[in-house]
Amino acid sequence: MPMPGPARSTAPASSPVVLVLASGRGERFAASGGAAHKLRALLHGQPLLEHTLAAVRASGLPWHVEDGGHPGMGDSIAAAVRATAGAPGWLVLPGDLPLIRPDTLRSIASALSGCAVAVPVHRQERGHPVGFAAQCLPGLQALQGERGAASVLRQQAQQGRVRWVEVDDEGTVTDVDTVQDLERAAQILLARKGRGGGGGGGGY
């Protein structure tokens, strides 16, 4: 699907690159009654993907949108990593996480110092983005299929190279797969704005 704006930032290359995955077909969203692709569905008046990109831009980290219509998440991650192979690391962020906070992205990027993989955890639930250091390059480039980077995470965990990062950000675990998920995200975003916490829709 066409993405808004440039597909790559011009931020310093000394930081991990945020890989925004936007290749999915959104079949569950359509099956739940969605009239458009989920990344184009409106959330508080703006396309869902634009909320995600607003947080990425606000983080100040370099970024890359992968929207090549790949068959699975593994294929999408591998393509994005190949396109940014010179990076010192990557933050894998599905495009359907519109409530992610810029400071969370920066926290995961910082957590990669001294470990191979950094995983955000919100109230005992694993979330995204998952950060991968440069040493994970071969494994990430070899990914294919629907299972994403689980195999790389598992391999690094077995060697004690994974850092679990506690975050106070429901956006790390609020992905939008159905119309009901979109409605829930809208409610959370409204409550967040009511608390003066910003979030989504260019509110960073």
C-alpha atoms as a PDB file:
ATOM      1  CA  MET A   1       0.000   0.000   0.000  1.00  0.00           C
ATOM      2  CA  PRO A   2       1.303   3.523  -0.702  1.00  0.00           C
ATOM      3  CA  MET A   3       2.920   5.154   2.310  1.00  0.00           C
ATOM      4  CA  PRO A   4       2.666   8.852   3.189  1.00  0.00           C
ATOM      5  CA  GLY A   5       5.842  10.894   2.921  1.00  0.00           C
ATOM      6  CA  PRO A   6       9.417   9.674   2.518  1.00  0.00           C
ATOM      7  CA  ALA A   7      10.235   6.079   3.377  1.00  0.00           C
ATOM      8  CA  ARG A   8      13.474   6.884   5.149  1.00  0.00           C
ATOM      9  CA  SER A   9      14.541   9.593   7.550  1.00  0.00           C
ATOM     10  CA  THR A  10      17.744  11.583   7.391  1.00  0.00           C
ATOM     11  CA  ALA A  11      18.500  11.225  11.115  1.00  0.00           C
ATOM     12  CA  PRO A  12      22.043  10.354  12.238  1.00  0.00           C
ATOM     13  CA  ALA A  13      23.109   6.830  11.286  1.00  0.00           C
ATOM     14  CA  SER A  14      24.721   6.272  14.694  1.00  0.00           C
ATOM     15  CA  SER A  15      21.378   5.175  16.171  1.00  0.00           C
ATOM     16  CA  PRO A  16      19.365   2.006  15.543  1.00  0.00           C
ATOM     17  CA  VAL A  17      16.921   2.282  12.646  1.00  0.00           C
ATOM     18  CA  VAL A  18      13.205   1.928  13.371  1.00  0.00           C
ATOM     19  CA  LEU A  19      11.793  -0.534  10.839  1.00  0.00           C
ATOM     20  CA  VAL A  20       8.099   0.259  10.360  1.00  0.00           C
ATOM     21  CA  LEU A  21       6.451  -2.862   8.927  1.00  0.00           C
ATOM     22  CA  ALA A  22       3.548  -1.996   6.640  1.00  0.00           C
ATOM     23  CA  SER A  23       3.382  -4.986   4.301  1.00  0.00           C
ATOM     24  CA  GLY A  24       0.552  -6.930   5.922  1.00  0.00           C
ATOM     25  CA  ARG A  25      -2.702  -7.591   4.063  1.00  0.00           C
ATOM     26  CA  GLY A  26      -4.966  -6.708   6.999  1.00  0.00           C
ATOM     27  CA  GLU A  27      -7.197  -9.720   6.403  1.00  0.00           C
ATOM     28  CA  ARG A  28      -8.420  -9.982  10.011  1.00  0.00           C
ATOM     29  CA  PHE A  29      -9.404  -6.315   9.957  1.00  0.00           C
ATOM     30  CA  ALA A  30     -11.437  -6.800   6.772  1.00  0.00           C
ATOM     31  CA  ALA A  31     -13.054  -9.932   8.211  1.00  0.00           C
ATOM     32  CA  SER A  32     -14.117  -7.971  11.306  1.00  0.00           C
ATOM     33  CA  GLY A  33     -16.007  -5.447   9.167  1.00  0.00           C
ATOM     34  CA  GLY A  34     -13.320  -2.946   8.221  1.00  0.00           C
ATOM     35  CA  ALA A  35     -14.066  -1.076   4.993  1.00  0.00           C
ATOM     36  CA  ALA A  36     -10.452  -0.085   4.304  1.00  0.00           C
ATOM     37  CA  HIS A  37      -7.001  -1.548   4.899  1.00  0.00           C
ATOM     38  CA  LYS A  38      -6.355  -1.230   8.617  1.00  0.00           C
ATOM     39  CA  LEU A  39      -3.339   1.044   8.173  1.00  0.00           C
ATOM     40  CA  ARG A  40      -5.570   3.469   6.256  1.00  0.00           C
ATOM     41  CA  ALA A  41      -8.432   3.233   8.757  1.00  0.00           C
ATOM     42  CA  LEU A  42      -9.075   6.534  10.513  1.00  0.00           C
ATOM     43  CA  LEU A  43      -8.144   6.948  14.165  1.00  0.00           C
ATOM     44  CA  HIS A  44      -9.193  10.333  15.521  1.00  0.00           C
ATOM     45  CA  GLY A  45      -9.342  11.673  11.984  1.00  0.00           C
ATOM     46  CA  GLN A  46      -5.977  10.441  10.728  1.00  0.00           C
ATOM     47  CA  PRO A  47      -4.875   7.157   9.125  1.00  0.00           C
ATOM     48  CA  LEU A  48      -3.716   4.635  11.703  1.00  0.00           C
ATOM     49  CA  LEU A  49      -0.271   4.375  10.145  1.00  0.00           C
ATOM     50  CA  GLU A  50       0.215   8.126  10.411  1.00  0.00           C
ATOM     51  CA  HIS A  51      -0.128   7.898  14.207  1.00  0.00           C
ATOM     52  CA  THR A  52       2.639   5.299  14.274  1.00  0.00           C
ATOM     53  CA  LEU A  53       4.860   7.373  11.979  1.00  0.00           C
ATOM     54  CA  ALA A  54       4.247  10.507  14.051  1.00  0.00           C
ATOM     55  CA  ALA A  55       5.751   8.765  17.075  1.00  0.00           C
ATOM     56  CA  VAL A  56       8.678   7.472  15.030  1.00  0.00           C
ATOM     57  CA  ARG A  57       9.448  10.932  13.651  1.00  0.00           C
ATOM     58  CA  ALA A  58       9.152  12.477  17.100  1.00  0.00           C
ATOM     59  CA  SER A  59      11.630   9.959  18.523  1.00  0.00           C
ATOM     60  CA  GLY A  60      14.433  11.487  16.456  1.00  0.00           C
ATOM     61  CA  LEU A  61      15.639   8.022  15.425  1.00  0.00           C
ATOM     62  CA  PRO A  62      16.357   7.068  11.802  1.00  0.00           C
ATOM     63  CA  TRP A  63      13.566   5.046  10.254  1.00  0.00           C
ATOM     64  CA  HIS A  64      12.558   2.971   7.254  1.00  0.00           C
ATOM     65  CA  VAL A  65       9.083   1.956   6.083  1.00  0.00           C
ATOM     66  CA  GLU A  66       8.848  -1.532   4.595  1.00  0.00           C
ATOM     67  CA  ASP A  67       5.719  -1.813   2.457  1.00  0.00           C
ATOM     68  CA  GLY A  68       6.761  -4.166  -0.333  1.00  0.00           C
ATOM     69  CA  GLY A  69       3.821  -6.549  -0.078  1.00  0.00           C
ATOM     70  CA  HIS A  70       5.862  -9.414   1.388  1.00  0.00           C
ATOM     71  CA  PRO A  71       4.124 -12.749   2.092  1.00  0.00           C
ATOM     72  CA  GLY A  72       4.971 -12.841   5.807  1.00  0.00           C
ATOM     73  CA  MET A  73       6.376 -10.776   8.652  1.00  0.00           C
ATOM     74  CA  GLY A  74       9.671 -12.657   8.497  1.00  0.00           C
ATOM     75  CA  ASP A  75      10.070 -11.751   4.828  1.00  0.00           C
ATOM     76  CA  SER A  76       9.209  -8.122   5.603  1.00  0.00           C
ATOM     77  CA  ILE A  77      11.768  -7.867   8.403  1.00  0.00           C
ATOM     78  CA  ALA A  78      14.470  -9.479   6.265  1.00  0.00           C
ATOM     79  CA  ALA A  79      13.820  -7.040   3.410  1.00  0.00           C
ATOM     80  CA  ALA A  80      13.886  -4.040   5.740  1.00  0.00           C
ATOM     81  CA  VAL A  81      17.149  -5.168   7.334  1.00  0.00           C
ATOM     82  CA  ARG A  82      18.743  -5.759   3.948  1.00  0.00           C
ATOM     83  CA  ALA A  83      17.738  -2.231   2.926  1.00  0.00           C
ATOM     84  CA  THR A  84      19.428  -0.795   6.040  1.00  0.00           C
ATOM     85  CA  ALA A  85      22.230  -3.335   6.437  1.00  0.00           C
ATOM     86  CA  GLY A  86      24.790  -0.749   7.535  1.00  0.00           C
ATOM     87  CA  ALA A  87      22.805   0.263  10.609  1.00  0.00           C
ATOM     88  CA  PRO A  88      24.135  -0.329  14.149  1.00  0.00           C
ATOM     89  CA  GLY A  89      20.842  -1.976  15.067  1.00  0.00           C
ATOM     90  CA  TRP A  90      17.114  -2.119  14.367  1.00  0.00           C
ATOM     91  CA  LEU A  91      13.834  -1.576  16.191  1.00  0.00           C
ATOM     92  CA  VAL A  92      11.164  -3.769  14.617  1.00  0.00           C
ATOM     93  CA  LEU A  93       7.850  -1.905  14.849  1.00  0.00           C
ATOM     94  CA  PRO A  94       4.647  -3.186  13.216  1.00  0.00           C
ATOM     95  CA  GLY A  95       2.796  -0.295  11.596  1.00  0.00           C
ATOM     96  CA  ASP A  96      -0.422  -1.151  13.468  1.00  0.00           C
ATOM     97  CA  LEU A  97       0.765   0.125  16.866  1.00  0.00           C
ATOM     98  CA  PRO A  98      -0.618   3.690  16.722  1.00  0.00           C
ATOM     99  CA  LEU A  99      -0.267   4.435  20.441  1.00  0.00           C
ATOM    100  CA  ILE A 100       3.475   3.803  20.738  1.00  0.00           C
ATOM    101  CA  ARG A 101       5.284   6.658  22.479  1.00  0.00           C
ATOM    102  CA  PRO A 102       8.409   8.367  21.141  1.00  0.00           C
ATOM    103  CA  ASP A 103      10.167   8.027  24.500  1.00  0.00           C
ATOM    104  CA  THR A 104       9.574   4.262  24.438  1.00  0.00           C
ATOM    105  CA  LEU A 105      11.321   4.036  21.077  1.00  0.00           C
ATOM    106  CA  ARG A 106      14.271   5.963  22.507  1.00  0.00           C
ATOM    107  CA  SER A 107      14.331   3.745  25.605  1.00  0.00           C
ATOM    108  CA  ILE A 108      14.540   0.542  23.575  1.00  0.00           C
ATOM    109  CA  ALA A 109      17.238   2.070  21.359  1.00  0.00           C
ATOM    110  CA  SER A 110      19.269   2.969  24.450  1.00  0.00           C
ATOM    111  CA  ALA A 111      18.708  -0.471  25.999  1.00  0.00           C
ATOM    112  CA  LEU A 112      20.460  -2.110  23.045  1.00  0.00           C
ATOM    113  CA  SER A 113      23.768  -0.892  24.414  1.00  0.00           C
ATOM    114  CA  GLY A 114      25.445  -3.965  25.898  1.00  0.00           C
ATOM    115  CA  CYS A 115      22.942  -6.598  24.709  1.00  0.00           C
ATOM    116  CA  ALA A 116      21.842  -8.282  21.493  1.00  0.00           C
ATOM    117  CA  VAL A 117      18.075  -7.911  21.867  1.00  0.00           C
ATOM    118  CA  ALA A 118      15.910  -5.496  23.886  1.00  0.00           C
ATOM    119  CA  VAL A 119      12.230  -6.297  24.454  1.00  0.00           C
ATOM    120  CA  PRO A 120       9.681  -3.918  26.009  1.00  0.00           C
ATOM    121  CA  VAL A 121       7.424  -5.400  28.669  1.00  0.00           C
ATOM    122  CA  HIS A 122       4.195  -3.693  29.751  1.00  0.00           C
ATOM    123  CA  ARG A 123       2.478  -5.236  32.776  1.00  0.00           C
ATOM    124  CA  GLN A 124       4.120  -8.615  32.170  1.00  0.00           C
ATOM    125  CA  GLU A 125       3.168  -8.635  28.464  1.00  0.00           C
ATOM    126  CA  ARG A 126       5.820  -8.568  25.760  1.00  0.00           C
ATOM    127  CA  GLY A 127       5.427  -5.774  23.255  1.00  0.00           C
ATOM    128  CA  HIS A 128       7.002  -3.925  20.357  1.00  0.00           C
ATOM    129  CA  PRO A 129       9.272  -2.576  19.114  1.00  0.00           C
ATOM    130  CA  VAL A 130      11.832  -5.310  19.702  1.00  0.00           C
ATOM    131  CA  GLY A 131      15.369  -3.987  19.337  1.00  0.00           C
ATOM    132  CA  PHE A 132      18.141  -5.989  17.671  1.00  0.00           C
ATOM    133  CA  ALA A 133      21.846  -5.116  17.708  1.00  0.00           C
ATOM    134  CA  ALA A 134      24.076  -5.366  14.625  1.00  0.00           C
ATOM    135  CA  GLN A 135      25.295  -8.831  15.661  1.00  0.00           C
ATOM    136  CA  CYS A 136      21.810 -10.136  14.776  1.00  0.00           C
ATOM    137  CA  LEU A 137      22.215  -9.128  11.120  1.00  0.00           C
ATOM    138  CA  PRO A 138      22.701 -12.636   9.627  1.00  0.00           C
ATOM    139  CA  GLY A 139      19.744 -14.091  11.492  1.00  0.00           C
ATOM    140  CA  LEU A 140      17.441 -11.212  10.593  1.00  0.00           C
ATOM    141  CA  GLN A 141      18.397 -11.287   6.922  1.00  0.00           C
ATOM    142  CA  ALA A 142      17.569 -15.005   6.769  1.00  0.00           C
ATOM    143  CA  LEU A 143      14.025 -14.648   8.127  1.00  0.00           C
ATOM    144  CA  GLN A 144      11.005 -15.744   6.138  1.00  0.00           C
ATOM    145  CA  GLY A 145       7.420 -16.755   6.748  1.00  0.00           C
ATOM    146  CA  GLU A 146       4.869 -15.546   9.273  1.00  0.00           C
ATOM    147  CA  ARG A 147       6.755 -15.982  12.534  1.00  0.00           C
ATOM    148  CA  GLY A 148       8.704 -12.740  12.474  1.00  0.00           C
ATOM    149  CA  ALA A 149      11.964 -12.628  14.394  1.00  0.00           C
ATOM    150  CA  ALA A 150      10.986 -15.102  17.129  1.00  0.00           C
ATOM    151  CA  SER A 151      13.791 -17.464  16.142  1.00  0.00           C
ATOM    152  CA  VAL A 152      16.426 -14.743  16.515  1.00  0.00           C
ATOM    153  CA  LEU A 153      15.029 -13.702  19.887  1.00  0.00           C
ATOM    154  CA  ARG A 154      14.993 -17.307  21.093  1.00  0.00           C
ATOM    155  CA  GLN A 155      18.586 -17.911  19.982  1.00  0.00           C
ATOM    156  CA  GLN A 156      19.848 -14.796  21.749  1.00  0.00           C
ATOM    157  CA  ALA A 157      17.824 -15.569  24.876  1.00  0.00           C
ATOM    158  CA  GLN A 158      19.478 -18.977  25.110  1.00  0.00           C
ATOM    159  CA  GLN A 159      22.815 -17.182  25.243  1.00  0.00           C
ATOM    160  CA  GLY A 160      21.648 -14.685  27.858  1.00  0.00           C
ATOM    161  CA  ARG A 161      21.848 -11.717  25.497  1.00  0.00           C
ATOM    162  CA  VAL A 162      18.271 -10.428  25.840  1.00  0.00           C
ATOM    163  CA  ARG A 163      17.333  -7.434  27.985  1.00  0.00           C
ATOM    164  CA  TRP A 164      13.724  -7.129  29.156  1.00  0.00           C
ATOM    165  CA  VAL A 165      12.747  -3.469  29.507  1.00  0.00           C
ATOM    166  CA  GLU A 166       9.804  -2.527  31.729  1.00  0.00           C
ATOM    167  CA  VAL A 167       7.838   0.298  30.091  1.00  0.00           C
ATOM    168  CA  ASP A 168       4.790   2.284  31.170  1.00  0.00           C
ATOM    169  CA  ASP A 169       3.359   2.431  27.674  1.00  0.00           C
ATOM    170  CA  GLU A 170       0.210   0.556  26.685  1.00  0.00           C
ATOM    171  CA  GLY A 171       1.072   1.465  23.119  1.00  0.00           C
ATOM    172  CA  THR A 172       3.664  -1.319  23.046  1.00  0.00           C
ATOM    173  CA  VAL A 173       0.915  -3.948  23.303  1.00  0.00           C
ATOM    174  CA  THR A 174      -2.043  -2.187  21.641  1.00  0.00           C
ATOM    175  CA  ASP A 175      -1.923  -3.477  18.080  1.00  0.00           C
ATOM    176  CA  VAL A 176      -4.913  -3.089  15.761  1.00  0.00           C
ATOM    177  CA  ASP A 177      -6.009  -6.310  14.058  1.00  0.00           C
ATOM    178  CA  THR A 178      -9.799  -5.797  14.090  1.00  0.00           C
ATOM    179  CA  VAL A 179     -12.380  -3.016  14.044  1.00  0.00           C
ATOM    180  CA  GLN A 180     -12.888  -3.663  17.760  1.00  0.00           C
ATOM    181  CA  ASP A 181      -9.155  -3.135  18.364  1.00  0.00           C
ATOM    182  CA  LEU A 182      -9.405   0.193  16.514  1.00  0.00           C
ATOM    183  CA  GLU A 183     -12.296   1.279  18.740  1.00  0.00           C
ATOM    184  CA  ARG A 184     -10.309   0.320  21.846  1.00  0.00           C
ATOM    185  CA  ALA A 185      -7.287   2.268  20.590  1.00  0.00           C
ATOM    186  CA  ALA A 186      -9.507   5.312  20.040  1.00  0.00           C
ATOM    187  CA  GLN A 187     -10.748   5.092  23.634  1.00  0.00           C
ATOM    188  CA  ILE A 188      -7.221   4.779  25.031  1.00  0.00           C
ATOM    189  CA  LEU A 189      -6.019   7.693  22.904  1.00  0.00           C
ATOM    190  CA  LEU A 190      -8.901   9.860  24.086  1.00  0.00           C
ATOM    191  CA  ALA A 191      -8.146   9.027  27.708  1.00  0.00           C
ATOM    192  CA  ARG A 192      -4.445   9.694  27.184  1.00  0.00           C
ATOM    193  CA  LYS A 193      -5.153  13.105  25.698  1.00  0.00           C
ATOM    194  CA  GLY A 194      -7.499  13.817  28.597  1.00  0.00           C
ATOM    195  CA  ARG A 195      -4.604  13.171  30.977  1.00  0.00           C
ATOM    196  CA  GLY A 196      -2.455  15.583  29.000  1.00  0.00           C
ATOM    197  CA  GLY A 197      -0.233  12.768  27.815  1.00  0.00           C
ATOM    198  CA  GLY A 198      -0.368  13.547  24.108  1.00  0.00           C
ATOM    199  CA  GLY A 199      -0.193  10.646  21.700  1.00  0.00           C
ATOM    200  CA  GLY A 200      -1.326   9.952  18.188  1.00  0.00           C
ATOM    201  CA  GLY A 201      -2.603  12.253  15.501  1.00  0.00           C
ATOM    202  CA  GLY A 202       0.420  14.490  15.505  1.00  0.00           C
ATOM    203  CA  GLY A 203      -0.010  15.209  19.203  1.00  0.00           C
ATOM    204  CA  TYR A 204       3.669  14.662  20.047  1.00  0.00           C
END
